[in-house]
Amino acid sequence: MAETLILLGAALLLTDLFAAACAGMTYGILTPTRRSPARPGDLEARRSMAQLVKFELALAGLGAALLASGTALAAA
């Protein structure tokens, strides 16, 4: 049981941190600058990317909690 929690938590933590980093880079690409003004649809895309980053970080937190609980069970 503890090994399953550790593996599931580690997998969820690592994959969701990577997904949050990729979504953050996409959010940065969609941010307008002086040289490239905002195009139609950029505001909605930035808003959805911001929501995706928050969601991925929440799932990474869940993965960290599963990893910690699995480690606590293994140590007990």
Protein backbone atom coordinates (compact mmCIF):
# COMPACT_ATOMS: atom_id res chain seq x y z
CA MET A 1 0.00 0.00 0.00
CA ALA A 2 2.76 2.42 0.93
CA GLU A 3 4.73 1.66 -2.23
CA THR A 4 1.66 2.36 -4.36
CA LEU A 5 1.10 5.71 -2.65
CA ILE A 6 4.76 6.64 -3.07
CA LEU A 7 4.83 5.75 -6.77
CA LEU A 8 1.48 7.41 -7.50
CA GLY A 9 2.46 10.53 -5.56
CA ALA A 10 5.86 10.82 -7.23
CA ALA A 11 4.40 10.31 -10.69
CA LEU A 12 1.64 12.86 -10.10
CA LEU A 13 4.05 15.36 -8.59
CA LEU A 14 6.64 15.20 -11.35
CA THR A 15 4.29 15.09 -14.33
CA ASP A 16 2.11 17.93 -13.06
CA LEU A 17 5.09 20.14 -12.23
CA PHE A 18 6.33 19.62 -15.79
CA ALA A 19 2.85 20.32 -17.20
CA ALA A 20 2.59 23.50 -15.11
CA ALA A 21 5.98 24.65 -16.41
CA CYS A 22 4.90 24.04 -20.01
CA ALA A 23 1.60 25.87 -19.47
CA GLY A 24 3.52 28.73 -17.85
CA MET A 25 5.78 28.99 -20.88
CA THR A 26 2.74 29.09 -23.14
CA TYR A 27 1.26 31.80 -20.93
CA GLY A 28 4.49 33.77 -21.33
CA ILE A 29 4.41 33.38 -25.10
CA LEU A 30 0.84 34.74 -25.18
CA THR A 31 1.78 37.81 -23.13
CA PRO A 32 1.83 40.88 -25.38
CA THR A 33 4.93 43.08 -25.59
CA ARG A 34 5.69 46.43 -27.20
CA ARG A 35 6.89 44.74 -30.38
CA SER A 36 3.99 42.28 -30.62
CA PRO A 37 0.66 43.74 -29.51
CA ALA A 38 -2.19 41.57 -28.34
CA ARG A 39 -3.96 39.65 -31.08
CA PRO A 40 -7.65 38.69 -31.03
CA GLY A 41 -8.18 35.78 -28.68
CA ASP A 42 -4.99 36.28 -26.67
CA LEU A 43 -6.85 37.43 -23.57
CA GLU A 44 -9.04 34.32 -23.46
CA ALA A 45 -6.06 32.07 -24.16
CA ARG A 46 -4.02 33.70 -21.38
CA ARG A 47 -6.93 33.32 -18.97
CA SER A 48 -7.32 29.62 -19.77
CA MET A 49 -3.56 29.05 -19.46
CA ALA A 50 -3.55 30.75 -16.05
CA GLN A 51 -6.36 28.45 -14.93
CA LEU A 52 -4.46 25.44 -16.28
CA VAL A 53 -1.32 26.42 -14.35
CA LYS A 54 -3.35 26.71 -11.13
CA PHE A 55 -5.00 23.34 -11.76
CA GLU A 56 -1.68 21.62 -12.49
CA LEU A 57 -0.11 23.07 -9.35
CA ALA A 58 -3.08 21.86 -7.30
CA LEU A 59 -2.61 18.36 -8.72
CA ALA A 60 1.12 18.58 -7.94
CA GLY A 61 0.17 19.43 -4.36
CA LEU A 62 -2.06 16.36 -4.27
CA GLY A 63 0.86 14.30 -5.54
CA ALA A 64 3.10 15.72 -2.82
CA ALA A 65 0.48 14.82 -0.20
CA LEU A 66 0.22 11.26 -1.53
CA LEU A 67 4.00 10.96 -1.58
CA ALA A 68 4.27 12.20 1.99
CA SER A 69 1.53 9.89 3.24
CA GLY A 70 3.10 6.92 1.47
CA THR A 71 6.46 7.74 3.01
CA ALA A 72 4.87 8.06 6.44
CA LEU A 73 3.18 4.68 6.04
CA ALA A 74 6.42 3.06 4.93
CA ALA A 75 8.31 4.50 7.88
CA ALA A 76 5.73 3.31 10.42
